[in-house]
Amino acid sequence: MRFQFDQLSGNQRYHLITQTITPRPIAWIMTKNENESFNLAPFSYFAPISSDPALLMVSIGNKTTDIAKDTKYNLLREKECVLHIPSGDLINAVNESSASLSYGESELTKTGLSLTEFTKTLPRIAEAKVAIHCKLFDMHTLGNTSFNAIYLEILDLYVDEDLVTEEKSRIFIDNKKLNPLARIGGDDYALLGETVTIKRPN
């Protein structure tokens, strides 16, 4: 079946994209609210786009046409965040943190997650095996929509030591132990499952 996107509504486009471009990694972003509490929200329009400079891209829409989502608002104000890669055992907390709360009400109180020291200005979620301290690099509004492509530069990266090995100066991360959570459309999530190793051709 063929779908002409200029004939589809925004909602139809969204559901087609999120159910065909899968699985998508989840950026679980924590930012500081004006009242010094922390906002936490998951985003699956997310990808690494460069290693030099080390950049990630997250697409974030607005709550309404004129009101920014809390993550975007805080990023523009504070210019930094901690982005976590959630493991499968955190699925319930990730889902709970996607609820719409009033600004300044922290998702951490709903999830039962704990914080631990990370940078001078921001903590990280203690239960997450990967945490990435980022600063705001750039932001582009996409067309006439409420979506914004937000570019984040990596400053510091934490990985649980049980996931890390080093061989001949190369760092290896055990993704089976990480078991990263992914989105596959609707209310559905995916876990890592089977992996296949194939050597690259010369």
C-alpha atoms as a PDB file:
ATOM      1  CA  MET A   1       0.000   0.000   0.000  1.00  0.00           C
ATOM      2  CA  ARG A   2       1.251   3.449  -0.915  1.00  0.00           C
ATOM      3  CA  PHE A   3       0.664   6.595   1.163  1.00  0.00           C
ATOM      4  CA  GLN A   4       0.918  10.093  -0.327  1.00  0.00           C
ATOM      5  CA  PHE A   5       1.974  12.281   2.585  1.00  0.00           C
ATOM      6  CA  ASP A   6       0.541  15.483   1.120  1.00  0.00           C
ATOM      7  CA  GLN A   7      -2.888  13.834   1.368  1.00  0.00           C
ATOM      8  CA  LEU A   8      -2.554  12.752   5.005  1.00  0.00           C
ATOM      9  CA  SER A   9      -3.336  14.565   8.231  1.00  0.00           C
ATOM     10  CA  GLY A  10      -0.571  15.300  10.721  1.00  0.00           C
ATOM     11  CA  ASN A  11      -1.905  12.562  12.989  1.00  0.00           C
ATOM     12  CA  GLN A  12      -1.882  10.000  10.163  1.00  0.00           C
ATOM     13  CA  ARG A  13       1.690  10.936   9.239  1.00  0.00           C
ATOM     14  CA  TYR A  14       2.773  10.613  12.864  1.00  0.00           C
ATOM     15  CA  HIS A  15       1.365   7.102  13.234  1.00  0.00           C
ATOM     16  CA  LEU A  16       2.844   5.909   9.942  1.00  0.00           C
ATOM     17  CA  ILE A  17       6.289   7.272  10.809  1.00  0.00           C
ATOM     18  CA  THR A  18       6.362   5.932  14.359  1.00  0.00           C
ATOM     19  CA  GLN A  19       5.160   2.456  13.331  1.00  0.00           C
ATOM     20  CA  THR A  20       7.499   1.992  10.358  1.00  0.00           C
ATOM     21  CA  ILE A  21      10.734   3.668  11.452  1.00  0.00           C
ATOM     22  CA  THR A  22      11.391   1.273  14.302  1.00  0.00           C
ATOM     23  CA  PRO A  23      12.829   0.479  16.729  1.00  0.00           C
ATOM     24  CA  ARG A  24      13.740   3.982  17.873  1.00  0.00           C
ATOM     25  CA  PRO A  25      16.084   4.620  20.809  1.00  0.00           C
ATOM     26  CA  ILE A  26      14.710   6.682  23.668  1.00  0.00           C
ATOM     27  CA  ALA A  27      16.291   9.889  24.913  1.00  0.00           C
ATOM     28  CA  TRP A  28      15.194  10.149  28.542  1.00  0.00           C
ATOM     29  CA  ILE A  29      15.964  13.788  29.215  1.00  0.00           C
ATOM     30  CA  MET A  30      16.266  15.448  32.603  1.00  0.00           C
ATOM     31  CA  THR A  31      16.330  19.245  32.879  1.00  0.00           C
ATOM     32  CA  LYS A  32      16.133  21.679  35.777  1.00  0.00           C
ATOM     33  CA  ASN A  33      12.875  23.532  36.429  1.00  0.00           C
ATOM     34  CA  GLU A  34      12.718  27.124  37.615  1.00  0.00           C
ATOM     35  CA  ASN A  35      11.835  25.924  41.136  1.00  0.00           C
ATOM     36  CA  GLU A  36      15.040  23.793  41.219  1.00  0.00           C
ATOM     37  CA  SER A  37      13.105  20.520  40.833  1.00  0.00           C
ATOM     38  CA  PHE A  38      13.802  18.274  37.834  1.00  0.00           C
ATOM     39  CA  ASN A  39      11.735  17.545  34.762  1.00  0.00           C
ATOM     40  CA  LEU A  40      12.082  14.089  33.199  1.00  0.00           C
ATOM     41  CA  ALA A  41      10.590  13.082  29.845  1.00  0.00           C
ATOM     42  CA  PRO A  42      11.181  10.451  27.112  1.00  0.00           C
ATOM     43  CA  PHE A  43      11.596  11.290  23.408  1.00  0.00           C
ATOM     44  CA  SER A  44      11.967   8.804  20.555  1.00  0.00           C
ATOM     45  CA  TYR A  45      12.539  11.232  17.676  1.00  0.00           C
ATOM     46  CA  PHE A  46      16.193  10.918  18.614  1.00  0.00           C
ATOM     47  CA  ALA A  47      19.526  10.045  16.971  1.00  0.00           C
ATOM     48  CA  PRO A  48      23.294  10.639  17.083  1.00  0.00           C
ATOM     49  CA  ILE A  49      24.311  12.763  14.108  1.00  0.00           C
ATOM     50  CA  SER A  50      28.034  13.478  14.525  1.00  0.00           C
ATOM     51  CA  SER A  51      31.044  12.360  16.571  1.00  0.00           C
ATOM     52  CA  ASP A  52      33.218  15.441  15.937  1.00  0.00           C
ATOM     53  CA  PRO A  53      31.634  17.532  17.255  1.00  0.00           C
ATOM     54  CA  ALA A  54      29.797  14.938  19.346  1.00  0.00           C
ATOM     55  CA  LEU A  55      26.185  15.836  18.593  1.00  0.00           C
ATOM     56  CA  LEU A  56      22.805  14.284  19.270  1.00  0.00           C
ATOM     57  CA  MET A  57      19.506  15.440  17.795  1.00  0.00           C
ATOM     58  CA  VAL A  58      16.150  15.297  19.536  1.00  0.00           C
ATOM     59  CA  SER A  59      12.923  16.509  17.958  1.00  0.00           C
ATOM     60  CA  ILE A  60      10.553  18.030  20.515  1.00  0.00           C
ATOM     61  CA  GLY A  61       7.082  19.353  19.822  1.00  0.00           C
ATOM     62  CA  ASN A  62       5.086  21.874  21.823  1.00  0.00           C
ATOM     63  CA  LYS A  63       2.364  21.158  24.383  1.00  0.00           C
ATOM     64  CA  THR A  64       0.108  23.396  22.315  1.00  0.00           C
ATOM     65  CA  THR A  65       0.743  25.703  19.384  1.00  0.00           C
ATOM     66  CA  ASP A  66       2.025  28.478  21.644  1.00  0.00           C
ATOM     67  CA  ILE A  67       3.274  26.604  24.720  1.00  0.00           C
ATOM     68  CA  ALA A  68       6.613  24.775  24.694  1.00  0.00           C
ATOM     69  CA  LYS A  69       7.071  21.409  26.326  1.00  0.00           C
ATOM     70  CA  ASP A  70       8.847  21.672  29.655  1.00  0.00           C
ATOM     71  CA  THR A  71      12.010  20.013  28.322  1.00  0.00           C
ATOM     72  CA  LYS A  72      12.377  22.538  25.515  1.00  0.00           C
ATOM     73  CA  TYR A  73      11.584  25.469  27.822  1.00  0.00           C
ATOM     74  CA  ASN A  74      14.189  24.347  30.353  1.00  0.00           C
ATOM     75  CA  LEU A  75      16.809  23.655  27.687  1.00  0.00           C
ATOM     76  CA  LEU A  76      16.447  27.138  26.241  1.00  0.00           C
ATOM     77  CA  ARG A  77      16.729  28.629  29.729  1.00  0.00           C
ATOM     78  CA  GLU A  78      19.433  26.438  31.314  1.00  0.00           C
ATOM     79  CA  LYS A  79      21.312  25.432  28.112  1.00  0.00           C
ATOM     80  CA  GLU A  80      22.057  21.922  29.454  1.00  0.00           C
ATOM     81  CA  CYS A  81      20.508  18.562  30.276  1.00  0.00           C
ATOM     82  CA  VAL A  82      21.301  14.996  31.252  1.00  0.00           C
ATOM     83  CA  LEU A  83      20.128  12.512  28.636  1.00  0.00           C
ATOM     84  CA  HIS A  84      19.727   8.904  29.803  1.00  0.00           C
ATOM     85  CA  ILE A  85      19.468   5.711  27.761  1.00  0.00           C
ATOM     86  CA  PRO A  86      16.896   3.642  29.678  1.00  0.00           C
ATOM     87  CA  SER A  87      17.207  -0.124  30.069  1.00  0.00           C
ATOM     88  CA  GLY A  88      14.298  -2.524  29.794  1.00  0.00           C
ATOM     89  CA  ASP A  89      13.880  -2.769  33.554  1.00  0.00           C
ATOM     90  CA  LEU A  90      12.972   0.934  33.618  1.00  0.00           C
ATOM     91  CA  ILE A  91      10.035   0.606  31.206  1.00  0.00           C
ATOM     92  CA  ASN A  92       7.383   1.468  33.801  1.00  0.00           C
ATOM     93  CA  ALA A  93       9.279   4.544  34.984  1.00  0.00           C
ATOM     94  CA  VAL A  94       9.826   5.695  31.386  1.00  0.00           C
ATOM     95  CA  ASN A  95       6.138   5.305  30.619  1.00  0.00           C
ATOM     96  CA  GLU A  96       5.109   7.080  33.831  1.00  0.00           C
ATOM     97  CA  SER A  97       7.428   9.999  33.041  1.00  0.00           C
ATOM     98  CA  SER A  98       5.578  10.620  29.759  1.00  0.00           C
ATOM     99  CA  ALA A  99       2.497  11.876  31.642  1.00  0.00           C
ATOM    100  CA  SER A 100       1.530  15.531  31.223  1.00  0.00           C
ATOM    101  CA  LEU A 101       2.184  17.376  34.479  1.00  0.00           C
ATOM    102  CA  SER A 102       2.006  21.030  35.409  1.00  0.00           C
ATOM    103  CA  TYR A 103       5.260  22.922  34.945  1.00  0.00           C
ATOM    104  CA  GLY A 104       7.452  22.582  38.023  1.00  0.00           C
ATOM    105  CA  GLU A 105       5.880  19.294  39.115  1.00  0.00           C
ATOM    106  CA  SER A 106       8.642  16.704  38.950  1.00  0.00           C
ATOM    107  CA  GLU A 107       8.125  13.320  37.298  1.00  0.00           C
ATOM    108  CA  LEU A 108      10.667  11.926  39.749  1.00  0.00           C
ATOM    109  CA  THR A 109       8.030  12.005  42.490  1.00  0.00           C
ATOM    110  CA  LYS A 110       5.775   9.773  40.363  1.00  0.00           C
ATOM    111  CA  THR A 111       8.411   7.240  39.316  1.00  0.00           C
ATOM    112  CA  GLY A 112      10.235   6.488  42.556  1.00  0.00           C
ATOM    113  CA  LEU A 113      13.586   7.058  40.864  1.00  0.00           C
ATOM    114  CA  SER A 114      16.581   8.346  42.786  1.00  0.00           C
ATOM    115  CA  LEU A 115      19.265  10.859  41.865  1.00  0.00           C
ATOM    116  CA  THR A 116      23.018  10.633  42.266  1.00  0.00           C
ATOM    117  CA  GLU A 117      25.815  13.149  41.773  1.00  0.00           C
ATOM    118  CA  PHE A 118      27.025  13.605  38.200  1.00  0.00           C
ATOM    119  CA  THR A 119      28.151  17.084  37.121  1.00  0.00           C
ATOM    120  CA  LYS A 120      28.643  20.293  39.086  1.00  0.00           C
ATOM    121  CA  THR A 121      25.214  21.507  38.018  1.00  0.00           C
ATOM    122  CA  LEU A 122      23.072  18.426  37.352  1.00  0.00           C
ATOM    123  CA  PRO A 123      22.643  14.975  38.903  1.00  0.00           C
ATOM    124  CA  ARG A 124      21.758  11.824  36.983  1.00  0.00           C
ATOM    125  CA  ILE A 125      19.216   9.067  37.531  1.00  0.00           C
ATOM    126  CA  ALA A 126      20.944   6.457  39.681  1.00  0.00           C
ATOM    127  CA  GLU A 127      19.015   3.550  38.149  1.00  0.00           C
ATOM    128  CA  ALA A 128      20.036   4.373  34.552  1.00  0.00           C
ATOM    129  CA  LYS A 129      23.105   2.577  33.178  1.00  0.00           C
ATOM    130  CA  VAL A 130      23.954   5.349  30.688  1.00  0.00           C
ATOM    131  CA  ALA A 131      23.805   9.097  31.329  1.00  0.00           C
ATOM    132  CA  ILE A 132      25.038  11.832  28.992  1.00  0.00           C
ATOM    133  CA  HIS A 133      25.637  15.431  30.066  1.00  0.00           C
ATOM    134  CA  CYS A 134      24.857  17.712  27.128  1.00  0.00           C
ATOM    135  CA  LYS A 135      24.793  21.407  26.391  1.00  0.00           C
ATOM    136  CA  LEU A 136      22.450  23.063  23.935  1.00  0.00           C
ATOM    137  CA  PHE A 137      24.275  23.422  20.617  1.00  0.00           C
ATOM    138  CA  ASP A 138      21.545  24.711  18.304  1.00  0.00           C
ATOM    139  CA  MET A 139      17.821  24.565  17.615  1.00  0.00           C
ATOM    140  CA  HIS A 140      15.823  24.771  14.399  1.00  0.00           C
ATOM    141  CA  THR A 141      12.067  25.158  14.084  1.00  0.00           C
ATOM    142  CA  LEU A 142      10.854  22.686  11.465  1.00  0.00           C
ATOM    143  CA  GLY A 143       8.669  24.256   8.798  1.00  0.00           C
ATOM    144  CA  ASN A 144       5.378  25.670  10.002  1.00  0.00           C
ATOM    145  CA  THR A 145       4.946  23.035  12.691  1.00  0.00           C
ATOM    146  CA  SER A 146       5.459  23.116  16.444  1.00  0.00           C
ATOM    147  CA  PHE A 147       8.362  20.646  16.178  1.00  0.00           C
ATOM    148  CA  ASN A 148      11.910  21.726  16.901  1.00  0.00           C
ATOM    149  CA  ALA A 149      15.123  19.914  15.996  1.00  0.00           C
ATOM    150  CA  ILE A 150      17.284  20.381  19.076  1.00  0.00           C
ATOM    151  CA  TYR A 151      21.001  19.688  18.758  1.00  0.00           C
ATOM    152  CA  LEU A 152      22.863  18.676  21.902  1.00  0.00           C
ATOM    153  CA  GLU A 153      26.637  18.525  22.288  1.00  0.00           C
ATOM    154  CA  ILE A 154      27.992  15.773  24.527  1.00  0.00           C
ATOM    155  CA  LEU A 155      30.195  17.035  27.350  1.00  0.00           C
ATOM    156  CA  ASP A 156      30.418  13.998  29.610  1.00  0.00           C
ATOM    157  CA  LEU A 157      29.201  10.406  29.404  1.00  0.00           C
ATOM    158  CA  TYR A 158      28.643   7.938  32.246  1.00  0.00           C
ATOM    159  CA  VAL A 159      28.372   4.183  31.619  1.00  0.00           C
ATOM    160  CA  ASP A 160      27.857   1.567  34.330  1.00  0.00           C
ATOM    161  CA  GLU A 161      31.249  -0.104  34.774  1.00  0.00           C
ATOM    162  CA  ASP A 162      29.674  -3.577  34.462  1.00  0.00           C
ATOM    163  CA  LEU A 163      28.953  -2.772  30.806  1.00  0.00           C
ATOM    164  CA  VAL A 164      32.454  -1.624  29.861  1.00  0.00           C
ATOM    165  CA  THR A 165      35.504  -3.535  28.629  1.00  0.00           C
ATOM    166  CA  GLU A 166      38.596  -2.216  26.855  1.00  0.00           C
ATOM    167  CA  GLU A 167      40.758  -4.003  24.308  1.00  0.00           C
ATOM    168  CA  LYS A 168      43.671  -2.499  22.376  1.00  0.00           C
ATOM    169  CA  SER A 169      42.579   1.033  23.341  1.00  0.00           C
ATOM    170  CA  ARG A 170      39.064   0.407  22.021  1.00  0.00           C
ATOM    171  CA  ILE A 171      36.120   0.663  24.395  1.00  0.00           C
ATOM    172  CA  PHE A 172      33.350  -1.925  24.144  1.00  0.00           C
ATOM    173  CA  ILE A 173      29.872  -1.549  25.668  1.00  0.00           C
ATOM    174  CA  ASP A 174      27.904  -4.741  26.361  1.00  0.00           C
ATOM    175  CA  ASN A 175      24.544  -3.902  24.834  1.00  0.00           C
ATOM    176  CA  LYS A 176      23.024  -7.178  26.006  1.00  0.00           C
ATOM    177  CA  LYS A 177      23.638  -6.079  29.594  1.00  0.00           C
ATOM    178  CA  LEU A 178      22.405  -2.590  28.795  1.00  0.00           C
ATOM    179  CA  ASN A 179      19.256  -4.012  27.145  1.00  0.00           C
ATOM    180  CA  PRO A 180      18.191  -0.583  25.843  1.00  0.00           C
ATOM    181  CA  LEU A 181      14.510   0.194  25.669  1.00  0.00           C
ATOM    182  CA  ALA A 182      13.091   1.286  22.307  1.00  0.00           C
ATOM    183  CA  ARG A 183       9.796   2.601  20.908  1.00  0.00           C
ATOM    184  CA  ILE A 184       7.924   0.896  18.090  1.00  0.00           C
ATOM    185  CA  GLY A 185       4.711   2.926  17.808  1.00  0.00           C
ATOM    186  CA  GLY A 186       1.430   3.201  19.680  1.00  0.00           C
ATOM    187  CA  ASP A 187       1.743   1.941  23.246  1.00  0.00           C
ATOM    188  CA  ASP A 188       4.415  -0.577  22.260  1.00  0.00           C
ATOM    189  CA  TYR A 189       8.041  -0.804  23.326  1.00  0.00           C
ATOM    190  CA  ALA A 190      10.831  -3.172  22.301  1.00  0.00           C
ATOM    191  CA  LEU A 191      13.844  -4.695  24.021  1.00  0.00           C
ATOM    192  CA  LEU A 192      17.154  -5.582  22.406  1.00  0.00           C
ATOM    193  CA  GLY A 193      16.395  -9.252  21.716  1.00  0.00           C
ATOM    194  CA  GLU A 194      18.543 -11.193  19.242  1.00  0.00           C
ATOM    195  CA  THR A 195      21.697  -9.590  17.835  1.00  0.00           C
ATOM    196  CA  VAL A 196      23.729 -10.693  14.808  1.00  0.00           C
ATOM    197  CA  THR A 197      27.470 -10.153  14.271  1.00  0.00           C
ATOM    198  CA  ILE A 198      28.768  -9.877  10.689  1.00  0.00           C
ATOM    199  CA  LYS A 199      32.297  -8.768   9.828  1.00  0.00           C
ATOM    200  CA  ARG A 200      32.555  -5.815   7.476  1.00  0.00           C
ATOM    201  CA  PRO A 201      34.093  -6.418   4.056  1.00  0.00           C
ATOM    202  CA  ASN A 202      37.531  -4.964   3.332  1.00  0.00           C
END
